[in-house]
C-alpha atoms as a PDB file:
ATOM      1  CA  UNK A   1      -0.040   0.016   0.011  1.00  0.00           C
ATOM      2  CA  UNK A   2       1.270   3.466  -0.858  1.00  0.00           C
ATOM      3  CA  UNK A   3       1.869   5.809   2.087  1.00  0.00           C
ATOM      4  CA  UNK A   4      -0.757   8.198   0.721  1.00  0.00           C
ATOM      5  CA  UNK A   5      -3.589   5.792   1.620  1.00  0.00           C
ATOM      6  CA  UNK A   6      -2.430   5.794   5.227  1.00  0.00           C
ATOM      7  CA  UNK A   7      -1.989   9.556   5.305  1.00  0.00           C
ATOM      8  CA  UNK A   8      -5.335  10.344   3.779  1.00  0.00           C
ATOM      9  CA  UNK A   9      -7.191   8.694   6.670  1.00  0.00           C
ATOM     10  CA  UNK A  10      -5.788  11.421   8.918  1.00  0.00           C
ATOM     11  CA  UNK A  11      -7.231  14.245   6.807  1.00  0.00           C
ATOM     12  CA  UNK A  12     -10.481  15.826   8.028  1.00  0.00           C
ATOM     13  CA  UNK A  13     -13.716  15.650   6.094  1.00  0.00           C
ATOM     14  CA  UNK A  14     -14.429  19.287   5.388  1.00  0.00           C
ATOM     15  CA  UNK A  15     -17.682  18.853   3.431  1.00  0.00           C
ATOM     16  CA  UNK A  16     -18.877  21.535   1.031  1.00  0.00           C
ATOM     17  CA  UNK A  17     -17.210  24.905   0.988  1.00  0.00           C
ATOM     18  CA  UNK A  18     -16.557  28.019  -1.046  1.00  0.00           C
ATOM     19  CA  UNK A  19     -13.444  29.656  -2.478  1.00  0.00           C
ATOM     20  CA  UNK A  20     -12.101  33.187  -2.249  1.00  0.00           C
ATOM     21  CA  UNK A  21      -9.031  35.165  -3.235  1.00  0.00           C
ATOM     22  CA  UNK A  22      -7.769  38.620  -2.386  1.00  0.00           C
ATOM     23  CA  UNK A  23     -10.520  41.248  -2.890  1.00  0.00           C
ATOM     24  CA  UNK A  24     -13.070  38.855  -4.363  1.00  0.00           C
ATOM     25  CA  UNK A  25     -15.999  40.357  -2.444  1.00  0.00           C
ATOM     26  CA  UNK A  26     -14.723  43.927  -2.774  1.00  0.00           C
ATOM     27  CA  UNK A  27     -15.291  43.738  -6.504  1.00  0.00           C
ATOM     28  CA  UNK A  28     -18.991  44.307  -5.811  1.00  0.00           C
ATOM     29  CA  UNK A  29     -21.886  41.877  -5.408  1.00  0.00           C
ATOM     30  CA  UNK A  30     -19.661  39.065  -4.264  1.00  0.00           C
ATOM     31  CA  UNK A  31     -20.406  36.381  -1.741  1.00  0.00           C
ATOM     32  CA  UNK A  32     -19.615  37.037   1.950  1.00  0.00           C
ATOM     33  CA  UNK A  33     -18.177  33.692   3.103  1.00  0.00           C
ATOM     34  CA  UNK A  34     -18.941  34.357   6.797  1.00  0.00           C
ATOM     35  CA  UNK A  35     -22.575  35.170   5.913  1.00  0.00           C
ATOM     36  CA  UNK A  36     -22.786  31.956   3.891  1.00  0.00           C
ATOM     37  CA  UNK A  37     -21.554  29.968   6.894  1.00  0.00           C
ATOM     38  CA  UNK A  38     -24.066  31.653   9.224  1.00  0.00           C
ATOM     39  CA  UNK A  39     -27.095  31.310   6.959  1.00  0.00           C
ATOM     40  CA  UNK A  40     -26.228  28.017   5.254  1.00  0.00           C
ATOM     41  CA  UNK A  41     -23.650  26.163   7.391  1.00  0.00           C
ATOM     42  CA  UNK A  42     -23.978  23.036   5.222  1.00  0.00           C
ATOM     43  CA  UNK A  43     -22.525  25.007   2.323  1.00  0.00           C
ATOM     44  CA  UNK A  44     -19.967  27.009   4.286  1.00  0.00           C
ATOM     45  CA  UNK A  45     -18.128  24.142   5.816  1.00  0.00           C
ATOM     46  CA  UNK A  46     -14.694  25.600   4.949  1.00  0.00           C
ATOM     47  CA  UNK A  47     -13.052  28.420   3.014  1.00  0.00           C
ATOM     48  CA  UNK A  48     -10.534  27.753   0.301  1.00  0.00           C
ATOM     49  CA  UNK A  49      -8.234  30.753   0.339  1.00  0.00           C
ATOM     50  CA  UNK A  50      -6.450  31.600  -2.894  1.00  0.00           C
ATOM     51  CA  UNK A  51      -3.135  33.250  -2.025  1.00  0.00           C
ATOM     52  CA  UNK A  52      -0.531  35.213  -3.875  1.00  0.00           C
ATOM     53  CA  UNK A  53       2.283  35.830  -1.409  1.00  0.00           C
ATOM     54  CA  UNK A  54       2.740  39.366  -2.826  1.00  0.00           C
ATOM     55  CA  UNK A  55      -0.790  40.219  -1.814  1.00  0.00           C
ATOM     56  CA  UNK A  56      -1.286  38.173   1.312  1.00  0.00           C
ATOM     57  CA  UNK A  57      -4.700  37.687   2.946  1.00  0.00           C
ATOM     58  CA  UNK A  58      -7.619  40.112   2.685  1.00  0.00           C
ATOM     59  CA  UNK A  59      -9.995  41.012   5.505  1.00  0.00           C
ATOM     60  CA  UNK A  60     -12.489  38.194   4.726  1.00  0.00           C
ATOM     61  CA  UNK A  61      -9.799  35.535   4.882  1.00  0.00           C
ATOM     62  CA  UNK A  62      -8.320  36.954   8.091  1.00  0.00           C
ATOM     63  CA  UNK A  63     -11.723  37.194   9.791  1.00  0.00           C
ATOM     64  CA  UNK A  64     -12.494  33.596   8.866  1.00  0.00           C
ATOM     65  CA  UNK A  65      -9.166  32.398  10.209  1.00  0.00           C
ATOM     66  CA  UNK A  66      -9.601  34.442  13.411  1.00  0.00           C
ATOM     67  CA  UNK A  67     -12.892  32.662  13.973  1.00  0.00           C
ATOM     68  CA  UNK A  68     -11.059  29.351  13.854  1.00  0.00           C
ATOM     69  CA  UNK A  69     -13.153  27.971  10.984  1.00  0.00           C
ATOM     70  CA  UNK A  70     -11.693  25.369   8.615  1.00  0.00           C
ATOM     71  CA  UNK A  71      -9.595  26.405   5.624  1.00  0.00           C
ATOM     72  CA  UNK A  72      -7.552  25.066   2.763  1.00  0.00           C
ATOM     73  CA  UNK A  73      -4.632  27.019   1.214  1.00  0.00           C
ATOM     74  CA  UNK A  74      -4.741  27.441  -2.565  1.00  0.00           C
ATOM     75  CA  UNK A  75      -1.465  28.811  -3.985  1.00  0.00           C
ATOM     76  CA  UNK A  76      -1.670  31.275  -6.911  1.00  0.00           C
ATOM     77  CA  UNK A  77       2.052  31.837  -7.521  1.00  0.00           C
ATOM     78  CA  UNK A  78       3.939  28.552  -7.615  1.00  0.00           C
ATOM     79  CA  UNK A  79       5.243  26.539 -10.572  1.00  0.00           C
ATOM     80  CA  UNK A  80       5.559  23.129  -8.988  1.00  0.00           C
ATOM     81  CA  UNK A  81       7.916  21.910 -11.732  1.00  0.00           C
ATOM     82  CA  UNK A  82      10.482  24.692 -11.135  1.00  0.00           C
ATOM     83  CA  UNK A  83      12.877  24.046  -8.245  1.00  0.00           C
ATOM     84  CA  UNK A  84      13.915  27.716  -8.217  1.00  0.00           C
ATOM     85  CA  UNK A  85      10.331  28.659  -7.249  1.00  0.00           C
ATOM     86  CA  UNK A  86      10.884  27.106  -3.819  1.00  0.00           C
ATOM     87  CA  UNK A  87      13.161  29.913  -2.680  1.00  0.00           C
ATOM     88  CA  UNK A  88      13.612  30.739   1.018  1.00  0.00           C
ATOM     89  CA  UNK A  89      11.652  34.048   1.013  1.00  0.00           C
ATOM     90  CA  UNK A  90       8.615  32.416  -0.659  1.00  0.00           C
ATOM     91  CA  UNK A  91       8.708  29.426   1.692  1.00  0.00           C
ATOM     92  CA  UNK A  92       9.090  31.684   4.780  1.00  0.00           C
ATOM     93  CA  UNK A  93       6.174  33.829   3.680  1.00  0.00           C
ATOM     94  CA  UNK A  94       4.059  30.766   2.910  1.00  0.00           C
ATOM     95  CA  UNK A  95       4.797  29.238   6.359  1.00  0.00           C
ATOM     96  CA  UNK A  96       3.745  32.527   7.990  1.00  0.00           C
ATOM     97  CA  UNK A  97       0.400  32.499   6.196  1.00  0.00           C
ATOM     98  CA  UNK A  98      -0.088  28.803   6.975  1.00  0.00           C
ATOM     99  CA  UNK A  99       0.338  29.736  10.665  1.00  0.00           C
ATOM    100  CA  UNK A 100      -2.553  32.180  10.276  1.00  0.00           C
ATOM    101  CA  UNK A 101      -4.874  30.003   8.255  1.00  0.00           C
ATOM    102  CA  UNK A 102      -4.052  26.616   9.795  1.00  0.00           C
ATOM    103  CA  UNK A 103      -5.350  24.835   6.602  1.00  0.00           C
ATOM    104  CA  UNK A 104      -6.214  21.194   6.391  1.00  0.00           C
ATOM    105  CA  UNK A 105      -3.971  20.931   3.268  1.00  0.00           C
ATOM    106  CA  UNK A 106      -2.382  22.900   0.405  1.00  0.00           C
ATOM    107  CA  UNK A 107      -3.649  22.757  -3.137  1.00  0.00           C
ATOM    108  CA  UNK A 108      -3.342  24.770  -6.339  1.00  0.00           C
ATOM    109  CA  UNK A 109      -3.571  24.729 -10.086  1.00  0.00           C
ATOM    110  CA  UNK A 110      -0.592  22.725 -11.218  1.00  0.00           C
ATOM    111  CA  UNK A 111       0.424  24.720 -14.280  1.00  0.00           C
ATOM    112  CA  UNK A 112       2.533  27.775 -15.045  1.00  0.00           C
ATOM    113  CA  UNK A 113       1.645  30.728 -12.809  1.00  0.00           C
ATOM    114  CA  UNK A 114       4.476  32.700 -14.318  1.00  0.00           C
ATOM    115  CA  UNK A 115       6.915  32.531 -17.227  1.00  0.00           C
ATOM    116  CA  UNK A 116      10.391  33.655 -16.221  1.00  0.00           C
ATOM    117  CA  UNK A 117      10.961  35.117 -12.743  1.00  0.00           C
ATOM    118  CA  UNK A 118       7.979  35.378 -10.354  1.00  0.00           C
ATOM    119  CA  UNK A 119       6.631  38.908 -10.488  1.00  0.00           C
ATOM    120  CA  UNK A 120       4.199  40.826  -8.256  1.00  0.00           C
ATOM    121  CA  UNK A 121       0.568  40.583  -9.287  1.00  0.00           C
ATOM    122  CA  UNK A 122       1.216  38.400 -12.342  1.00  0.00           C
ATOM    123  CA  UNK A 123      -1.814  36.042 -12.049  1.00  0.00           C
ATOM    124  CA  UNK A 124      -0.815  34.266 -15.246  1.00  0.00           C
ATOM    125  CA  UNK A 125      -1.941  30.672 -15.489  1.00  0.00           C
ATOM    126  CA  UNK A 126      -1.072  28.317 -18.338  1.00  0.00           C
ATOM    127  CA  UNK A 127      -1.605  24.544 -18.374  1.00  0.00           C
ATOM    128  CA  UNK A 128       1.441  22.287 -18.108  1.00  0.00           C
ATOM    129  CA  UNK A 129       3.010  20.621 -21.127  1.00  0.00           C
ATOM    130  CA  UNK A 130       1.258  17.281 -21.153  1.00  0.00           C
ATOM    131  CA  UNK A 131       4.264  14.964 -21.363  1.00  0.00           C
ATOM    132  CA  UNK A 132       5.893  12.482 -19.084  1.00  0.00           C
ATOM    133  CA  UNK A 133       8.938  14.639 -18.401  1.00  0.00           C
ATOM    134  CA  UNK A 134       6.781  17.560 -17.155  1.00  0.00           C
ATOM    135  CA  UNK A 135       4.679  15.216 -15.029  1.00  0.00           C
ATOM    136  CA  UNK A 136       7.767  13.800 -13.331  1.00  0.00           C
ATOM    137  CA  UNK A 137       9.126  17.306 -12.653  1.00  0.00           C
ATOM    138  CA  UNK A 138       5.778  18.319 -11.210  1.00  0.00           C
ATOM    139  CA  UNK A 139       5.691  15.239  -8.972  1.00  0.00           C
ATOM    140  CA  UNK A 140       9.034  16.201  -7.552  1.00  0.00           C
ATOM    141  CA  UNK A 141       7.700  19.642  -6.722  1.00  0.00           C
ATOM    142  CA  UNK A 142       4.658  18.202  -4.987  1.00  0.00           C
ATOM    143  CA  UNK A 143       6.852  16.055  -2.796  1.00  0.00           C
ATOM    144  CA  UNK A 144       9.272  18.981  -2.200  1.00  0.00           C
ATOM    145  CA  UNK A 145       6.512  21.246  -0.964  1.00  0.00           C
ATOM    146  CA  UNK A 146       4.937  18.521   1.170  1.00  0.00           C
ATOM    147  CA  UNK A 147       8.242  17.928   2.891  1.00  0.00           C
ATOM    148  CA  UNK A 148       8.897  21.667   3.311  1.00  0.00           C
ATOM    149  CA  UNK A 149       5.619  22.554   5.028  1.00  0.00           C
ATOM    150  CA  UNK A 150       4.439  19.255   6.508  1.00  0.00           C
ATOM    151  CA  UNK A 151       1.023  19.343   4.818  1.00  0.00           C
ATOM    152  CA  UNK A 152      -0.537  17.297   2.052  1.00  0.00           C
ATOM    153  CA  UNK A 153      -0.244  19.000  -1.362  1.00  0.00           C
ATOM    154  CA  UNK A 154      -3.058  18.338  -3.851  1.00  0.00           C
ATOM    155  CA  UNK A 155      -2.153  19.327  -7.439  1.00  0.00           C
ATOM    156  CA  UNK A 156      -5.174  20.566  -9.451  1.00  0.00           C
ATOM    157  CA  UNK A 157      -5.766  20.189 -13.193  1.00  0.00           C
ATOM    158  CA  UNK A 158      -5.692  23.831 -14.452  1.00  0.00           C
ATOM    159  CA  UNK A 159      -7.886  25.396 -17.133  1.00  0.00           C
ATOM    160  CA  UNK A 160      -6.712  26.410 -20.569  1.00  0.00           C
ATOM    161  CA  UNK A 161      -7.754  27.245 -24.114  1.00  0.00           C
ATOM    162  CA  UNK A 162      -4.847  25.480 -25.746  1.00  0.00           C
ATOM    163  CA  UNK A 163      -3.010  22.381 -24.567  1.00  0.00           C
ATOM    164  CA  UNK A 164       0.198  20.882 -25.948  1.00  0.00           C
ATOM    165  CA  UNK A 165       1.740  17.454 -25.316  1.00  0.00           C
ATOM    166  CA  UNK A 166       0.984  13.826 -26.107  1.00  0.00           C
ATOM    167  CA  UNK A 167      -0.782  12.855 -22.851  1.00  0.00           C
ATOM    168  CA  UNK A 168      -4.431  13.173 -21.967  1.00  0.00           C
ATOM    169  CA  UNK A 169      -4.867  15.626 -19.058  1.00  0.00           C
ATOM    170  CA  UNK A 170      -6.141  12.831 -16.840  1.00  0.00           C
ATOM    171  CA  UNK A 171      -3.252  10.515 -17.717  1.00  0.00           C
ATOM    172  CA  UNK A 172      -0.816  13.335 -16.963  1.00  0.00           C
ATOM    173  CA  UNK A 173      -2.166  13.864 -13.446  1.00  0.00           C
ATOM    174  CA  UNK A 174      -2.438  10.122 -12.865  1.00  0.00           C
ATOM    175  CA  UNK A 175       1.314   9.972 -13.448  1.00  0.00           C
ATOM    176  CA  UNK A 176       1.911  12.945 -11.168  1.00  0.00           C
ATOM    177  CA  UNK A 177      -0.141  11.284  -8.405  1.00  0.00           C
ATOM    178  CA  UNK A 178       1.712   7.968  -8.671  1.00  0.00           C
ATOM    179  CA  UNK A 179       5.205   9.515  -8.829  1.00  0.00           C
ATOM    180  CA  UNK A 180       4.572  11.926  -5.943  1.00  0.00           C
ATOM    181  CA  UNK A 181       2.395   9.431  -3.974  1.00  0.00           C
ATOM    182  CA  UNK A 182      -0.120  12.181  -3.532  1.00  0.00           C
ATOM    183  CA  UNK A 183      -3.793  12.932  -3.459  1.00  0.00           C
ATOM    184  CA  UNK A 184      -5.392  15.045  -6.155  1.00  0.00           C
ATOM    185  CA  UNK A 185      -7.727  18.001  -6.560  1.00  0.00           C
ATOM    186  CA  UNK A 186      -9.990  17.286  -9.544  1.00  0.00           C
ATOM    187  CA  UNK A 187     -11.490  20.436 -10.992  1.00  0.00           C
ATOM    188  CA  UNK A 188     -14.546  19.154 -12.815  1.00  0.00           C
ATOM    189  CA  UNK A 189     -15.095  22.467 -14.653  1.00  0.00           C
ATOM    190  CA  UNK A 190     -11.515  22.597 -15.889  1.00  0.00           C
ATOM    191  CA  UNK A 191     -11.738  18.964 -17.046  1.00  0.00           C
ATOM    192  CA  UNK A 192     -14.970  19.701 -18.906  1.00  0.00           C
ATOM    193  CA  UNK A 193     -13.236  22.519 -20.748  1.00  0.00           C
ATOM    194  CA  UNK A 194     -10.281  20.323 -21.657  1.00  0.00           C
ATOM    195  CA  UNK A 195     -12.460  17.557 -22.904  1.00  0.00           C
ATOM    196  CA  UNK A 196     -14.389  19.925 -25.156  1.00  0.00           C
ATOM    197  CA  UNK A 197     -11.260  21.656 -26.467  1.00  0.00           C
ATOM    198  CA  UNK A 198      -9.770  18.208 -27.243  1.00  0.00           C
ATOM    199  CA  UNK A 199     -12.975  17.053 -28.956  1.00  0.00           C
ATOM    200  CA  UNK A 200     -13.606  14.356 -26.363  1.00  0.00           C
ATOM    201  CA  UNK A 201     -16.709  13.261 -24.480  1.00  0.00           C
ATOM    202  CA  UNK A 202     -16.830  14.520 -20.863  1.00  0.00           C
ATOM    203  CA  UNK A 203     -15.768  11.162 -19.400  1.00  0.00           C
ATOM    204  CA  UNK A 204     -13.017  10.205 -21.880  1.00  0.00           C
ATOM    205  CA  UNK A 205     -10.044   8.613 -20.141  1.00  0.00           C
ATOM    206  CA  UNK A 206     -11.639   8.751 -16.725  1.00  0.00           C
ATOM    207  CA  UNK A 207     -11.659   4.954 -16.331  1.00  0.00           C
ATOM    208  CA  UNK A 208      -7.827   5.031 -16.072  1.00  0.00           C
ATOM    209  CA  UNK A 209      -7.821   7.946 -13.619  1.00  0.00           C
ATOM    210  CA  UNK A 210      -7.141   7.109  -9.930  1.00  0.00           C
ATOM    211  CA  UNK A 211     -10.386   8.417  -8.455  1.00  0.00           C
ATOM    212  CA  UNK A 212      -9.338   6.813  -5.145  1.00  0.00           C
ATOM    213  CA  UNK A 213      -6.724   9.601  -4.887  1.00  0.00           C
ATOM    214  CA  UNK A 214      -9.257  12.398  -5.341  1.00  0.00           C
ATOM    215  CA  UNK A 215      -9.414  14.277  -1.984  1.00  0.00           C
ATOM    216  CA  UNK A 216     -11.099  17.459  -3.241  1.00  0.00           C
ATOM    217  CA  UNK A 217     -13.337  18.409  -6.208  1.00  0.00           C
ATOM    218  CA  UNK A 218     -14.085  21.844  -7.680  1.00  0.00           C
ATOM    219  CA  UNK A 219     -17.273  22.853  -9.394  1.00  0.00           C
ATOM    220  CA  UNK A 220     -17.672  26.216 -11.177  1.00  0.00           C
ATOM    221  CA  UNK A 221     -19.608  27.907 -13.892  1.00  0.00           C
ATOM    222  CA  UNK A 222     -18.239  28.696 -17.322  1.00  0.00           C
ATOM    223  CA  UNK A 223     -19.237  30.803 -20.381  1.00  0.00           C
ATOM    224  CA  UNK A 224     -18.799  30.351 -24.080  1.00  0.00           C
ATOM    225  CA  UNK A 225     -17.359  33.041 -26.295  1.00  0.00           C
ATOM    226  CA  UNK A 226     -15.697  33.353 -29.685  1.00  0.00           C
ATOM    227  CA  UNK A 227     -12.392  34.808 -30.872  1.00  0.00           C
ATOM    228  CA  UNK A 228     -12.132  35.312 -34.617  1.00  0.00           C
ATOM    229  CA  UNK A 229     -14.738  32.599 -35.101  1.00  0.00           C
ATOM    230  CA  UNK A 230     -13.051  30.149 -32.752  1.00  0.00           C
ATOM    231  CA  UNK A 231     -15.427  28.884 -30.027  1.00  0.00           C
ATOM    232  CA  UNK A 232     -13.845  28.931 -26.535  1.00  0.00           C
ATOM    233  CA  UNK A 233     -14.949  28.464 -22.943  1.00  0.00           C
ATOM    234  CA  UNK A 234     -14.016  30.760 -20.082  1.00  0.00           C
ATOM    235  CA  UNK A 235     -13.701  29.412 -16.518  1.00  0.00           C
ATOM    236  CA  UNK A 236     -15.435  32.456 -15.074  1.00  0.00           C
ATOM    237  CA  UNK A 237     -16.761  31.118 -11.736  1.00  0.00           C
ATOM    238  CA  UNK A 238     -20.353  32.130 -12.491  1.00  0.00           C
ATOM    239  CA  UNK A 239     -23.202  29.988 -11.266  1.00  0.00           C
ATOM    240  CA  UNK A 240     -23.938  28.691 -14.748  1.00  0.00           C
ATOM    241  CA  UNK A 241     -22.345  25.243 -14.497  1.00  0.00           C
ATOM    242  CA  UNK A 242     -21.889  23.342 -17.708  1.00  0.00           C
ATOM    243  CA  UNK A 243     -23.829  20.034 -18.081  1.00  0.00           C
ATOM    244  CA  UNK A 244     -20.454  18.357 -18.762  1.00  0.00           C
ATOM    245  CA  UNK A 245     -19.146  19.542 -15.382  1.00  0.00           C
ATOM    246  CA  UNK A 246     -22.170  18.039 -13.596  1.00  0.00           C
ATOM    247  CA  UNK A 247     -21.685  14.794 -15.552  1.00  0.00           C
ATOM    248  CA  UNK A 248     -18.061  14.572 -14.395  1.00  0.00           C
ATOM    249  CA  UNK A 249     -18.960  15.315 -10.782  1.00  0.00           C
ATOM    250  CA  UNK A 250     -21.746  12.708 -10.791  1.00  0.00           C
ATOM    251  CA  UNK A 251     -19.454  10.077 -12.291  1.00  0.00           C
ATOM    252  CA  UNK A 252     -16.474  10.683 -10.009  1.00  0.00           C
ATOM    253  CA  UNK A 253     -18.095  11.131  -6.589  1.00  0.00           C
ATOM    254  CA  UNK A 254     -19.261   7.490  -6.189  1.00  0.00           C
ATOM    255  CA  UNK A 255     -15.771   6.311  -7.225  1.00  0.00           C
ATOM    256  CA  UNK A 256     -13.883   8.589  -4.846  1.00  0.00           C
ATOM    257  CA  UNK A 257     -13.841   6.891  -1.433  1.00  0.00           C
ATOM    258  CA  UNK A 258     -11.336   9.398  -0.069  1.00  0.00           C
ATOM    259  CA  UNK A 259     -13.199  12.521  -1.058  1.00  0.00           C
ATOM    260  CA  UNK A 260     -13.035  15.025   1.772  1.00  0.00           C
ATOM    261  CA  UNK A 261     -14.171  18.303   0.286  1.00  0.00           C
ATOM    262  CA  UNK A 262     -16.085  19.864  -2.573  1.00  0.00           C
ATOM    263  CA  UNK A 263     -15.756  23.583  -3.438  1.00  0.00           C
ATOM    264  CA  UNK A 264     -18.320  25.572  -5.388  1.00  0.00           C
ATOM    265  CA  UNK A 265     -16.232  28.352  -6.890  1.00  0.00           C
ATOM    266  CA  UNK A 266     -18.845  31.131  -6.952  1.00  0.00           C
ATOM    267  CA  UNK A 267     -17.175  33.820  -4.883  1.00  0.00           C
ATOM    268  CA  UNK A 268     -18.193  36.737  -7.101  1.00  0.00           C
ATOM    269  CA  UNK A 269     -21.936  35.990  -7.015  1.00  0.00           C
ATOM    270  CA  UNK A 270     -24.721  36.680  -4.553  1.00  0.00           C
ATOM    271  CA  UNK A 271     -25.495  33.922  -2.074  1.00  0.00           C
ATOM    272  CA  UNK A 272     -29.030  33.416  -3.347  1.00  0.00           C
ATOM    273  CA  UNK A 273     -27.738  32.821  -6.873  1.00  0.00           C
ATOM    274  CA  UNK A 274     -25.339  30.176  -5.617  1.00  0.00           C
ATOM    275  CA  UNK A 275     -27.814  28.107  -3.608  1.00  0.00           C
ATOM    276  CA  UNK A 276     -29.069  25.872  -6.473  1.00  0.00           C
ATOM    277  CA  UNK A 277     -25.486  24.862  -7.258  1.00  0.00           C
ATOM    278  CA  UNK A 278     -24.694  24.167  -3.646  1.00  0.00           C
ATOM    279  CA  UNK A 279     -27.859  22.112  -3.321  1.00  0.00           C
ATOM    280  CA  UNK A 280     -27.055  20.026  -6.410  1.00  0.00           C
ATOM    281  CA  UNK A 281     -23.541  19.383  -5.101  1.00  0.00           C
ATOM    282  CA  UNK A 282     -24.971  18.204  -1.793  1.00  0.00           C
ATOM    283  CA  UNK A 283     -27.476  15.895  -3.460  1.00  0.00           C
ATOM    284  CA  UNK A 284     -24.782  14.455  -5.716  1.00  0.00           C
ATOM    285  CA  UNK A 285     -22.379  13.756  -2.855  1.00  0.00           C
ATOM    286  CA  UNK A 286     -25.118  12.260  -0.735  1.00  0.00           C
ATOM    287  CA  UNK A 287     -26.287   9.987  -3.516  1.00  0.00           C
ATOM    288  CA  UNK A 288     -22.683   9.016  -4.385  1.00  0.00           C
ATOM    289  CA  UNK A 289     -21.963   8.088  -0.788  1.00  0.00           C
ATOM    290  CA  UNK A 290     -24.929   5.766  -0.699  1.00  0.00           C
END
């Protein structure tokens, strides 16, 4: 048995939660996570805090942490496959924020958050090159960060409009998980976008994916648009969830015995607009558990 399957038993079951990042609610009309927890505790089980070290934590994240409510830490500035990204200043700052948030684990889109040196406020995200060499380098980064901070690190399949490489996205992350002996964060919305871009059905290649390593799942809305006649999909965190995303969630949940958390990424929407999505997630998880 891999060590992961012993470690995962020690992780808490967080339930259903919501994501945030610096200034999400300040943009206007966004969800107040503390209000969600008060009014609908079943949907505000935890807060996934997206963090750029250069920005730190906003008032909502700090208030949540001060209340002692559960969190996860979602990095927004780390290329897992680049050893130089694990520099001492970044690790020291990360450890300081982990001391504030006390998260259950670390997660983050496992792609390219920057090209070249890390810069303030970059927020660039590109998918990884889908090849074995890149997967192995990413696995080394997952293990490196886990050892450095003493928390589980769950790599997440990132979104993208264009992908390069010879591996299917799910096969890429299956290799990362095996080489790093780690759990995974499966973003169902990102996977739905990839499958459509690649011309696949929503569940293509999922039979070979290690669902038993899925610890967390993301659900989010997306919107279609065109650029010079090319149809594309934007992962915009609205409440309009694609049917393909729901199909992926409903397929994976019953096959994910170590699932501990599901996030509805809807932080820039009013609570009332988010409730149908939360309710469907809850029904799906309940039915899958049975």
